[in-house]
N, C-alpha and C. Protein backbone atom coordinates (compact mmCIF):
# COMPACT_ATOMS: atom_id res chain seq x y z
N MET A 1 117.32 88.86 101.68
CA MET A 1 118.15 90.33 101.84
C MET A 1 117.34 91.22 102.82
N LYS A 2 117.98 91.60 103.87
CA LYS A 2 117.36 92.60 104.91
C LYS A 2 117.16 93.82 104.35
N LYS A 3 115.96 94.33 104.74
CA LYS A 3 115.70 95.83 104.00
C LYS A 3 115.89 96.67 105.15
N GLN A 4 116.98 98.01 104.64
CA GLN A 4 117.20 98.99 105.66
C GLN A 4 116.13 99.94 105.22
N SER A 5 115.96 100.52 106.73
CA SER A 5 114.83 101.63 106.77
C SER A 5 115.78 102.67 107.15
N THR A 6 115.18 104.00 106.58
CA THR A 6 115.71 105.42 106.82
C THR A 6 115.66 105.53 108.05
N PRO A 7 116.63 106.64 108.67
CA PRO A 7 116.51 107.21 110.06
C PRO A 7 115.35 107.80 110.47
N GLY A 8 115.07 108.43 109.54
CA GLY A 8 113.60 109.27 109.42
C GLY A 8 112.39 108.49 109.70
N LEU A 9 112.20 107.49 109.03
CA LEU A 9 111.15 106.48 109.21
C LEU A 9 111.28 105.97 110.49
N TRP A 10 112.40 105.42 111.15
CA TRP A 10 112.46 104.93 112.63
C TRP A 10 112.18 105.89 113.70
N LEU A 11 112.37 107.46 113.48
CA LEU A 11 111.93 108.60 114.25
C LEU A 11 110.65 108.77 114.13
N ASP A 12 110.06 108.58 112.85
CA ASP A 12 108.36 108.71 112.76
C ASP A 12 107.82 107.49 113.53
N ARG A 13 108.29 106.29 113.34
CA ARG A 13 107.59 105.27 114.22
C ARG A 13 107.58 105.17 115.58
N THR A 14 109.00 105.70 116.09
CA THR A 14 108.99 106.11 117.35
C THR A 14 108.19 107.31 118.13
N LEU A 15 107.94 108.23 117.33
CA LEU A 15 107.03 109.11 117.95
C LEU A 15 105.64 108.60 117.52
N CYS A 16 105.08 108.03 116.85
CA CYS A 16 103.97 107.49 116.93
C CYS A 16 103.66 106.43 117.91
N ALA A 17 104.45 105.84 118.33
CA ALA A 17 104.44 104.56 119.21
C ALA A 17 104.51 105.55 120.57
N LEU A 18 105.17 106.70 121.10
CA LEU A 18 105.22 107.66 122.13
C LEU A 18 103.86 108.24 122.26
N LEU A 19 103.26 108.65 121.08
CA LEU A 19 102.04 109.36 120.89
C LEU A 19 100.64 108.40 121.39
N ALA A 20 100.98 107.22 120.79
CA ALA A 20 100.00 106.03 121.23
C ALA A 20 100.24 105.84 122.90
N LEU A 21 101.26 105.64 123.40
CA LEU A 21 101.61 105.49 124.67
C LEU A 21 100.97 106.52 125.66
N LEU A 22 101.29 107.58 125.43
CA LEU A 22 100.91 108.91 126.25
C LEU A 22 99.45 108.97 126.04
N SER A 23 98.78 108.90 124.89
CA SER A 23 97.62 109.08 124.61
C SER A 23 96.77 107.97 125.62
N ALA A 24 97.10 106.77 125.51
CA ALA A 24 96.81 105.77 126.53
C ALA A 24 96.70 106.13 127.68
N LEU A 25 97.65 106.69 128.30
CA LEU A 25 97.93 107.10 129.52
C LEU A 25 97.08 108.10 129.77
N GLY A 26 96.99 108.98 129.07
CA GLY A 26 95.83 110.14 129.37
C GLY A 26 94.64 109.90 129.19
N LEU A 27 94.40 108.71 128.46
CA LEU A 27 92.87 108.21 128.62
C LEU A 27 92.35 107.45 129.87
N PHE A 28 93.43 106.68 130.30
CA PHE A 28 93.63 106.15 131.78
C PHE A 28 93.18 107.04 132.71
N TYR A 29 93.96 108.17 132.92
CA TYR A 29 93.91 109.10 133.90
C TYR A 29 92.50 110.01 133.74
N GLY A 30 92.25 110.25 132.54
CA GLY A 30 90.86 110.95 132.03
C GLY A 30 89.81 110.23 132.64
N ILE A 31 89.71 109.01 132.55
CA ILE A 31 88.54 108.36 132.96
C ILE A 31 88.67 108.10 134.36
N ARG A 32 90.09 107.74 135.15
CA ARG A 32 90.03 107.61 136.53
C ARG A 32 89.62 108.94 137.02
N LEU A 33 90.18 110.29 136.68
CA LEU A 33 89.83 111.14 137.38
C LEU A 33 88.56 112.24 137.12
N CYS A 34 87.79 111.32 136.08
CA CYS A 34 86.55 111.84 135.51
C CYS A 34 86.51 113.09 134.98
N ASP A 35 87.88 113.42 134.45
CA ASP A 35 88.14 114.50 133.27
C ASP A 35 87.81 114.17 132.01
N TYR A 36 86.76 114.69 131.52
CA TYR A 36 86.00 114.47 130.19
C TYR A 36 87.00 115.10 129.30
N GLY A 37 87.43 116.25 129.65
CA GLY A 37 87.86 116.88 128.37
C GLY A 37 89.44 116.15 128.18
N LEU A 38 90.07 115.89 129.17
CA LEU A 38 91.49 115.20 129.00
C LEU A 38 91.11 113.56 128.44
N GLY A 39 89.87 113.04 128.90
CA GLY A 39 89.91 111.73 128.29
C GLY A 39 89.52 111.81 126.96
N GLY A 40 88.84 112.93 126.33
CA GLY A 40 88.53 113.00 124.97
C GLY A 40 89.68 113.60 124.12
N LEU A 41 90.28 114.24 124.60
CA LEU A 41 91.66 114.54 123.95
C LEU A 41 92.82 113.39 123.88
N ALA A 42 92.95 112.60 124.65
CA ALA A 42 93.62 111.59 124.87
C ALA A 42 92.79 110.36 123.92
N ALA A 43 91.77 110.16 123.74
CA ALA A 43 90.81 109.65 122.71
C ALA A 43 91.18 109.94 121.27
N ALA A 44 91.04 111.14 121.16
CA ALA A 44 91.43 111.66 119.66
C ALA A 44 93.08 111.55 119.56
N GLY A 45 93.90 111.45 120.17
CA GLY A 45 95.35 111.11 120.16
C GLY A 45 95.44 109.68 119.74
N LEU A 46 94.80 108.93 120.43
CA LEU A 46 94.90 107.39 120.52
C LEU A 46 94.53 107.10 118.93
N ALA A 47 93.20 107.76 118.57
CA ALA A 47 92.71 107.44 117.25
C ALA A 47 93.80 107.98 116.16
N ALA A 48 94.51 109.02 116.26
CA ALA A 48 95.39 109.74 115.39
C ALA A 48 96.56 108.84 115.37
N ALA A 49 97.05 108.14 116.51
CA ALA A 49 98.14 107.62 116.35
C ALA A 49 97.85 106.13 115.62
N GLY A 50 96.76 105.54 115.87
CA GLY A 50 96.27 104.54 114.94
C GLY A 50 96.20 104.83 113.67
N CYS A 51 95.83 106.00 113.14
CA CYS A 51 95.69 106.24 111.70
C CYS A 51 97.01 106.29 111.30
N VAL A 52 97.86 107.15 111.76
CA VAL A 52 99.28 107.21 111.33
C VAL A 52 99.77 105.94 111.48
N GLY A 53 99.81 105.19 112.25
CA GLY A 53 100.43 103.96 112.65
C GLY A 53 100.27 102.91 111.50
N THR A 54 99.19 102.78 111.05
CA THR A 54 98.62 102.03 109.93
C THR A 54 99.47 102.43 108.54
N ALA A 55 99.66 103.59 108.34
CA ALA A 55 100.58 103.89 107.19
C ALA A 55 102.06 103.96 107.35
N LEU A 56 102.93 104.01 108.65
CA LEU A 56 103.77 104.03 108.97
C LEU A 56 104.54 102.67 109.00
N PHE A 57 103.64 101.92 109.41
CA PHE A 57 104.11 100.10 109.76
C PHE A 57 103.75 99.46 108.55
N ASP A 58 103.00 100.05 107.54
CA ASP A 58 102.77 99.06 106.28
C ASP A 58 103.70 99.24 105.13
N ASP A 59 104.43 98.01 105.34
CA ASP A 59 105.62 98.09 104.37
C ASP A 59 105.29 97.95 102.84
N SER A 60 104.15 97.42 102.62
CA SER A 60 103.67 97.10 101.22
C SER A 60 103.47 98.59 100.49
N ALA A 61 102.97 99.78 101.50
CA ALA A 61 102.73 100.95 100.88
C ALA A 61 103.79 101.86 100.49
N PHE A 62 105.10 101.47 101.35
CA PHE A 62 106.32 102.08 101.08
C PHE A 62 107.01 101.49 99.75
N ARG A 63 106.82 100.51 99.54
CA ARG A 63 107.33 99.55 98.03
C ARG A 63 106.34 100.11 97.14
N ARG A 64 105.02 100.61 97.38
CA ARG A 64 104.45 100.98 96.15
C ARG A 64 104.71 102.58 95.86
N ALA A 65 105.07 103.10 96.87
CA ALA A 65 105.66 104.42 96.82
C ALA A 65 106.84 104.51 96.19
N ARG A 66 107.68 103.90 96.48
CA ARG A 66 109.02 103.60 95.94
C ARG A 66 108.85 103.46 94.22
N ALA A 67 107.89 102.31 94.10
CA ALA A 67 107.62 102.27 92.44
C ALA A 67 107.04 103.17 91.68
N VAL A 68 106.24 103.81 92.50
CA VAL A 68 105.61 105.21 91.76
C VAL A 68 106.72 106.19 91.80
N ARG A 69 107.49 106.60 92.74
CA ARG A 69 108.87 107.47 92.39
C ARG A 69 109.46 106.94 91.50
N GLU A 70 110.04 105.76 91.16
CA GLU A 70 110.80 105.15 90.19
C GLU A 70 110.04 105.51 88.90
N ALA A 71 108.99 105.29 88.81
CA ALA A 71 108.24 105.09 87.61
C ALA A 71 108.05 106.77 86.93
N ILE A 72 107.94 107.69 87.99
CA ILE A 72 107.75 109.20 87.78
C ILE A 72 109.49 109.57 87.20
N ARG A 73 110.24 109.08 88.05
CA ARG A 73 111.74 109.47 87.70
C ARG A 73 112.05 108.89 86.16
N ARG A 74 111.71 107.53 85.87
CA ARG A 74 111.89 107.35 84.49
C ARG A 74 111.27 108.00 83.53
N GLY A 75 109.87 108.32 83.68
CA GLY A 75 109.19 109.09 83.14
C GLY A 75 109.58 110.42 82.56
N SER A 76 110.12 110.99 83.57
CA SER A 76 110.65 112.60 83.42
C SER A 76 111.89 112.62 82.67
N SER A 77 112.67 111.49 82.59
CA SER A 77 113.86 111.45 82.10
C SER A 77 114.22 111.31 80.44
């Protein structure tokens, strides 16, 4: 059975990948131009994209969250 992802999830994943790509590009140019502010900002963006990416691309976390929502829904009924 193929799992369907929500459109919002695909948008979040695309934006996370775009952030990682732009941060890597900024880091490259920051090092190349010896602009330490740009390099530091890009490194922080790359770290943030990595942290968010681990949550967005972890399917088992989504299964656990769905199970918790179902348990809460059943408990409140």
